[in-house]
């Protein structure tokens, strides 16, 4: 099985935003964002939608395809 890629972490780098900045904008503890970016937990759907809005990307860009 291939390595799990975390798209949120990748998009943060592309957008030049830190995990701490995302935590502030999302009103979440920075440890929560770190946990999400390290694949230790998954965001709630409403948080995923908000993350997409904050990063100005389509929510689908934050998901990794399970097909193929």
PDB file of N, CA and C in Angstrom:
ATOM      1  N   UNK A   1       0.839  -1.185   0.000  1.00  0.00           N
ATOM      2  CA  UNK A   1       0.000   0.000   0.000  1.00  0.00           C
ATOM      3  C   UNK A   1       0.881   1.245   0.000  1.00  0.00           C
ATOM      4  N   UNK A   2       0.491   2.240  -0.787  1.00  0.00           N
ATOM      5  CA  UNK A   2       1.297   3.440  -0.880  1.00  0.00           C
ATOM      6  C   UNK A   2       1.167   4.290   0.376  1.00  0.00           C
ATOM      7  N   UNK A   3       2.129   5.157   0.578  1.00  0.00           N
ATOM      8  CA  UNK A   3       2.152   6.035   1.741  1.00  0.00           C
ATOM      9  C   UNK A   3       0.938   6.964   1.722  1.00  0.00           C
ATOM     10  N   UNK A   4       0.360   7.182   2.891  1.00  0.00           N
ATOM     11  CA  UNK A   4      -0.790   8.075   2.989  1.00  0.00           C
ATOM     12  C   UNK A   4      -0.329   9.519   2.851  1.00  0.00           C
ATOM     13  N   UNK A   5      -0.871  10.195   1.886  1.00  0.00           N
ATOM     14  CA  UNK A   5      -0.522  11.591   1.643  1.00  0.00           C
ATOM     15  C   UNK A   5      -1.558  12.463   2.331  1.00  0.00           C
ATOM     16  N   UNK A   6      -1.104  13.484   3.026  1.00  0.00           N
ATOM     17  CA  UNK A   6      -2.028  14.392   3.667  1.00  0.00           C
ATOM     18  C   UNK A   6      -2.133  15.647   2.819  1.00  0.00           C
ATOM     19  N   UNK A   7      -3.256  15.779   2.145  1.00  0.00           N
ATOM     20  CA  UNK A   7      -3.454  16.906   1.232  1.00  0.00           C
ATOM     21  C   UNK A   7      -3.557  18.239   1.971  1.00  0.00           C
ATOM     22  N   UNK A   8      -4.107  18.245   3.172  1.00  0.00           N
ATOM     23  CA  UNK A   8      -4.209  19.508   3.914  1.00  0.00           C
ATOM     24  C   UNK A   8      -2.814  20.054   4.170  1.00  0.00           C
ATOM     25  N   UNK A   9      -1.929  19.200   4.629  1.00  0.00           N
ATOM     26  CA  UNK A   9      -0.544  19.609   4.894  1.00  0.00           C
ATOM     27  C   UNK A   9       0.120  20.109   3.615  1.00  0.00           C
ATOM     28  N   UNK A  10      -0.105  19.399   2.524  1.00  0.00           N
ATOM     29  CA  UNK A  10       0.485  19.770   1.236  1.00  0.00           C
ATOM     30  C   UNK A  10      -0.049  21.128   0.747  1.00  0.00           C
ATOM     31  N   UNK A  11      -1.348  21.336   0.861  1.00  0.00           N
ATOM     32  CA  UNK A  11      -1.951  22.602   0.409  1.00  0.00           C
ATOM     33  C   UNK A  11      -1.502  23.759   1.304  1.00  0.00           C
ATOM     34  N   UNK A  12      -1.326  23.511   2.599  1.00  0.00           N
ATOM     35  CA  UNK A  12      -0.795  24.557   3.481  1.00  0.00           C
ATOM     36  C   UNK A  12       0.561  25.041   2.977  1.00  0.00           C
ATOM     37  N   UNK A  13       1.425  24.118   2.577  1.00  0.00           N
ATOM     38  CA  UNK A  13       2.744  24.478   2.059  1.00  0.00           C
ATOM     39  C   UNK A  13       2.598  25.286   0.771  1.00  0.00           C
ATOM     40  N   UNK A  14       1.737  24.818  -0.131  1.00  0.00           N
ATOM     41  CA  UNK A  14       1.520  25.500  -1.407  1.00  0.00           C
ATOM     42  C   UNK A  14       1.017  26.925  -1.180  1.00  0.00           C
ATOM     43  N   UNK A  15       0.120  27.090  -0.218  1.00  0.00           N
ATOM     44  CA  UNK A  15      -0.480  28.399   0.063  1.00  0.00           C
ATOM     45  C   UNK A  15       0.386  29.257   0.980  1.00  0.00           C
ATOM     46  N   UNK A  16       1.478  28.685   1.501  1.00  0.00           N
ATOM     47  CA  UNK A  16       2.371  29.445   2.365  1.00  0.00           C
ATOM     48  C   UNK A  16       1.765  29.763   3.723  1.00  0.00           C
ATOM     49  N   UNK A  17       0.926  28.871   4.231  1.00  0.00           N
ATOM     50  CA  UNK A  17       0.279  29.075   5.517  1.00  0.00           C
ATOM     51  C   UNK A  17       0.772  28.019   6.507  1.00  0.00           C
ATOM     52  N   UNK A  18       0.991  28.441   7.734  1.00  0.00           N
ATOM     53  CA  UNK A  18       1.435  27.497   8.756  1.00  0.00           C
ATOM     54  C   UNK A  18       0.235  26.788   9.386  1.00  0.00           C
ATOM     55  N   UNK A  19       0.528  25.684  10.032  1.00  0.00           N
ATOM     56  CA  UNK A  19      -0.522  24.957  10.741  1.00  0.00           C
ATOM     57  C   UNK A  19      -1.092  25.818  11.862  1.00  0.00           C
ATOM     58  N   UNK A  20      -0.230  26.620  12.496  1.00  0.00           N
ATOM     59  CA  UNK A  20      -0.683  27.499  13.578  1.00  0.00           C
ATOM     60  C   UNK A  20      -1.651  28.563  13.049  1.00  0.00           C
ATOM     61  N   UNK A  21      -1.335  29.132  11.890  1.00  0.00           N
ATOM     62  CA  UNK A  21      -2.238  30.124  11.282  1.00  0.00           C
ATOM     63  C   UNK A  21      -3.594  29.500  10.971  1.00  0.00           C
ATOM     64  N   UNK A  22      -3.573  28.284  10.430  1.00  0.00           N
ATOM     65  CA  UNK A  22      -4.817  27.586  10.128  1.00  0.00           C
ATOM     66  C   UNK A  22      -5.606  27.345  11.406  1.00  0.00           C
ATOM     67  N   UNK A  23      -4.929  26.956  12.468  1.00  0.00           N
ATOM     68  CA  UNK A  23      -5.596  26.711  13.754  1.00  0.00           C
ATOM     69  C   UNK A  23      -6.306  27.969  14.249  1.00  0.00           C
ATOM     70  N   UNK A  24      -5.643  29.111  14.129  1.00  0.00           N
ATOM     71  CA  UNK A  24      -6.242  30.376  14.567  1.00  0.00           C
ATOM     72  C   UNK A  24      -7.475  30.699  13.725  1.00  0.00           C
ATOM     73  N   UNK A  25      -7.355  30.582  12.415  1.00  0.00           N
ATOM     74  CA  UNK A  25      -8.480  30.900  11.522  1.00  0.00           C
ATOM     75  C   UNK A  25      -9.637  29.925  11.682  1.00  0.00           C
ATOM     76  N   UNK A  26      -9.323  28.696  12.050  1.00  0.00           N
ATOM     77  CA  UNK A  26     -10.341  27.662  12.219  1.00  0.00           C
ATOM     78  C   UNK A  26     -10.877  27.636  13.651  1.00  0.00           C
ATOM     79  N   UNK A  27     -10.233  28.414  14.533  1.00  0.00           N
ATOM     80  CA  UNK A  27     -10.590  28.462  15.950  1.00  0.00           C
ATOM     81  C   UNK A  27     -10.468  27.082  16.599  1.00  0.00           C
ATOM     82  N   UNK A  28      -9.335  26.445  16.341  1.00  0.00           N
ATOM     83  CA  UNK A  28      -9.044  25.128  16.891  1.00  0.00           C
ATOM     84  C   UNK A  28      -7.670  25.174  17.561  1.00  0.00           C
ATOM     85  N   UNK A  29      -7.434  24.235  18.447  1.00  0.00           N
ATOM     86  CA  UNK A  29      -6.148  24.110  19.105  1.00  0.00           C
ATOM     87  C   UNK A  29      -5.102  23.713  18.052  1.00  0.00           C
ATOM     88  N   UNK A  30      -3.918  24.337  18.080  1.00  0.00           N
ATOM     89  CA  UNK A  30      -2.876  23.964  17.117  1.00  0.00           C
ATOM     90  C   UNK A  30      -2.537  22.471  17.143  1.00  0.00           C
ATOM     91  N   UNK A  31      -2.647  21.840  18.308  1.00  0.00           N
ATOM     92  CA  UNK A  31      -2.381  20.401  18.395  1.00  0.00           C
ATOM     93  C   UNK A  31      -3.383  19.599  17.583  1.00  0.00           C
ATOM     94  N   UNK A  32      -4.611  20.094  17.479  1.00  0.00           N
ATOM     95  CA  UNK A  32      -5.633  19.425  16.670  1.00  0.00           C
ATOM     96  C   UNK A  32      -5.235  19.449  15.202  1.00  0.00           C
ATOM     97  N   UNK A  33      -4.768  20.590  14.730  1.00  0.00           N
ATOM     98  CA  UNK A  33      -4.347  20.724  13.331  1.00  0.00           C
ATOM     99  C   UNK A  33      -3.128  19.855  13.062  1.00  0.00           C
ATOM    100  N   UNK A  34      -2.191  19.826  13.998  1.00  0.00           N
ATOM    101  CA  UNK A  34      -1.017  18.969  13.849  1.00  0.00           C
ATOM    102  C   UNK A  34      -1.427  17.510  13.735  1.00  0.00           C
ATOM    103  N   UNK A  35      -2.363  17.109  14.567  1.00  0.00           N
ATOM    104  CA  UNK A  35      -2.859  15.731  14.546  1.00  0.00           C
ATOM    105  C   UNK A  35      -3.499  15.393  13.196  1.00  0.00           C
ATOM    106  N   UNK A  36      -4.254  16.336  12.659  1.00  0.00           N
ATOM    107  CA  UNK A  36      -4.888  16.138  11.347  1.00  0.00           C
ATOM    108  C   UNK A  36      -3.811  16.038  10.258  1.00  0.00           C
ATOM    109  N   UNK A  37      -2.847  16.940  10.294  1.00  0.00           N
ATOM    110  CA  UNK A  37      -1.795  16.960   9.274  1.00  0.00           C
ATOM    111  C   UNK A  37      -0.871  15.748   9.341  1.00  0.00           C
ATOM    112  N   UNK A  38      -0.809  15.100  10.494  1.00  0.00           N
ATOM    113  CA  UNK A  38       0.028  13.910  10.655  1.00  0.00           C
ATOM    114  C   UNK A  38      -0.777  12.621  10.543  1.00  0.00           C
ATOM    115  N   UNK A  39      -2.006  12.725  10.038  1.00  0.00           N
ATOM    116  CA  UNK A  39      -2.891  11.563   9.834  1.00  0.00           C
ATOM    117  C   UNK A  39      -3.195  10.794  11.119  1.00  0.00           C
ATOM    118  N   UNK A  40      -3.163  11.473  12.246  1.00  0.00           N
ATOM    119  CA  UNK A  40      -3.504  10.824  13.512  1.00  0.00           C
ATOM    120  C   UNK A  40      -4.993  10.981  13.821  1.00  0.00           C
ATOM    121  N   UNK A  41      -5.637  11.961  13.175  1.00  0.00           N
ATOM    122  CA  UNK A  41      -7.080  12.138  13.302  1.00  0.00           C
ATOM    123  C   UNK A  41      -7.602  12.743  12.011  1.00  0.00           C
ATOM    124  N   UNK A  42      -8.901  12.701  11.852  1.00  0.00           N
ATOM    125  CA  UNK A  42      -9.538  13.261  10.660  1.00  0.00           C
ATOM    126  C   UNK A  42     -10.443  14.419  11.080  1.00  0.00           C
ATOM    127  N   UNK A  43     -10.497  15.472  10.269  1.00  0.00           N
ATOM    128  CA  UNK A  43     -11.371  16.589  10.625  1.00  0.00           C
ATOM    129  C   UNK A  43     -12.840  16.229  10.400  1.00  0.00           C
ATOM    130  N   UNK A  44     -13.700  16.863  11.184  1.00  0.00           N
ATOM    131  CA  UNK A  44     -15.137  16.726  10.935  1.00  0.00           C
ATOM    132  C   UNK A  44     -15.426  17.343   9.578  1.00  0.00           C
ATOM    133  N   UNK A  45     -16.493  16.911   8.943  1.00  0.00           N
ATOM    134  CA  UNK A  45     -16.836  17.403   7.614  1.00  0.00           C
ATOM    135  C   UNK A  45     -17.002  18.922   7.600  1.00  0.00           C
ATOM    136  N   UNK A  46     -17.646  19.479   8.643  1.00  0.00           N
ATOM    137  CA  UNK A  46     -17.831  20.937   8.683  1.00  0.00           C
ATOM    138  C   UNK A  46     -16.489  21.649   8.782  1.00  0.00           C
ATOM    139  N   UNK A  47     -15.528  21.057   9.508  1.00  0.00           N
ATOM    140  CA  UNK A  47     -14.198  21.651   9.597  1.00  0.00           C
ATOM    141  C   UNK A  47     -13.448  21.519   8.283  1.00  0.00           C
ATOM    142  N   UNK A  48     -13.624  20.400   7.598  1.00  0.00           N
ATOM    143  CA  UNK A  48     -12.989  20.204   6.304  1.00  0.00           C
ATOM    144  C   UNK A  48     -13.482  21.254   5.305  1.00  0.00           C
ATOM    145  N   UNK A  49     -14.786  21.524   5.341  1.00  0.00           N
ATOM    146  CA  UNK A  49     -15.362  22.549   4.462  1.00  0.00           C
ATOM    147  C   UNK A  49     -14.774  23.920   4.790  1.00  0.00           C
ATOM    148  N   UNK A  50     -14.649  24.229   6.067  1.00  0.00           N
ATOM    149  CA  UNK A  50     -14.093  25.513   6.497  1.00  0.00           C
ATOM    150  C   UNK A  50     -12.615  25.617   6.115  1.00  0.00           C
ATOM    151  N   UNK A  51     -11.876  24.526   6.252  1.00  0.00           N
ATOM    152  CA  UNK A  51     -10.464  24.513   5.854  1.00  0.00           C
ATOM    153  C   UNK A  51     -10.339  24.813   4.362  1.00  0.00           C
ATOM    154  N   UNK A  52     -11.208  24.212   3.558  1.00  0.00           N
ATOM    155  CA  UNK A  52     -11.200  24.468   2.112  1.00  0.00           C
ATOM    156  C   UNK A  52     -11.470  25.941   1.827  1.00  0.00           C
ATOM    157  N   UNK A  53     -12.399  26.531   2.558  1.00  0.00           N
ATOM    158  CA  UNK A  53     -12.706  27.959   2.377  1.00  0.00           C
ATOM    159  C   UNK A  53     -11.510  28.823   2.767  1.00  0.00           C
ATOM    160  N   UNK A  54     -10.901  28.514   3.913  1.00  0.00           N
ATOM    161  CA  UNK A  54      -9.743  29.277   4.389  1.00  0.00           C
ATOM    162  C   UNK A  54      -8.591  29.197   3.387  1.00  0.00           C
ATOM    163  N   UNK A  55      -8.367  27.997   2.839  1.00  0.00           N
ATOM    164  CA  UNK A  55      -7.262  27.796   1.891  1.00  0.00           C
ATOM    165  C   UNK A  55      -7.636  28.158   0.458  1.00  0.00           C
ATOM    166  N   UNK A  56      -8.904  28.528   0.261  1.00  0.00           N
ATOM    167  CA  UNK A  56      -9.406  28.927  -1.056  1.00  0.00           C
ATOM    168  C   UNK A  56      -9.185  27.836  -2.102  1.00  0.00           C
ATOM    169  N   UNK A  57      -9.608  26.614  -1.737  1.00  0.00           N
ATOM    170  CA  UNK A  57      -9.531  25.484  -2.660  1.00  0.00           C
ATOM    171  C   UNK A  57     -10.864  24.742  -2.639  1.00  0.00           C
ATOM    172  N   UNK A  58     -11.107  23.970  -3.682  1.00  0.00           N
ATOM    173  CA  UNK A  58     -12.274  23.097  -3.712  1.00  0.00           C
ATOM    174  C   UNK A  58     -12.054  22.006  -2.666  1.00  0.00           C
ATOM    175  N   UNK A  59     -13.086  21.671  -1.938  1.00  0.00           N
ATOM    176  CA  UNK A  59     -12.965  20.669  -0.875  1.00  0.00           C
ATOM    177  C   UNK A  59     -12.393  19.355  -1.407  1.00  0.00           C
ATOM    178  N   UNK A  60     -12.665  19.035  -2.667  1.00  0.00           N
ATOM    179  CA  UNK A  60     -12.149  17.794  -3.258  1.00  0.00           C
ATOM    180  C   UNK A  60     -10.632  17.781  -3.340  1.00  0.00           C
ATOM    181  N   UNK A  61     -10.015  18.979  -3.366  1.00  0.00           N
ATOM    182  CA  UNK A  61      -8.549  19.047  -3.411  1.00  0.00           C
ATOM    183  C   UNK A  61      -7.910  18.602  -2.101  1.00  0.00           C
ATOM    184  N   UNK A  62      -8.696  18.551  -1.037  1.00  0.00           N
ATOM    185  CA  UNK A  62      -8.172  18.147   0.266  1.00  0.00           C
ATOM    186  C   UNK A  62      -8.318  16.660   0.516  1.00  0.00           C
ATOM    187  N   UNK A  63      -8.941  15.966  -0.430  1.00  0.00           N
ATOM    188  CA  UNK A  63      -9.181  14.542  -0.277  1.00  0.00           C
ATOM    189  C   UNK A  63      -8.259  13.753  -1.189  1.00  0.00           C
ATOM    190  N   UNK A  64      -7.853  12.586  -0.739  1.00  0.00           N
ATOM    191  CA  UNK A  64      -7.013  11.694  -1.534  1.00  0.00           C
ATOM    192  C   UNK A  64      -7.926  10.600  -2.073  1.00  0.00           C
ATOM    193  N   UNK A  65      -7.855  10.368  -3.360  1.00  0.00           N
ATOM    194  CA  UNK A  65      -8.684   9.343  -3.989  1.00  0.00           C
ATOM    195  C   UNK A  65      -8.389   7.973  -3.416  1.00  0.00           C
ATOM    196  N   UNK A  66      -9.451   7.207  -3.207  1.00  0.00           N
ATOM    197  CA  UNK A  66      -9.293   5.834  -2.700  1.00  0.00           C
ATOM    198  C   UNK A  66      -9.344   4.826  -3.831  1.00  0.00           C
ATOM    199  N   UNK A  67      -9.571   5.304  -5.047  1.00  0.00           N
ATOM    200  CA  UNK A  67      -9.622   4.410  -6.214  1.00  0.00           C
ATOM    201  C   UNK A  67      -8.260   4.331  -6.880  1.00  0.00           C
ATOM    202  N   UNK A  68      -8.012   3.209  -7.527  1.00  0.00           N
ATOM    203  CA  UNK A  68      -6.850   3.087  -8.364  1.00  0.00           C
ATOM    204  C   UNK A  68      -5.679   2.563  -7.673  1.00  0.00           C
TER     205      UNK A  68
END
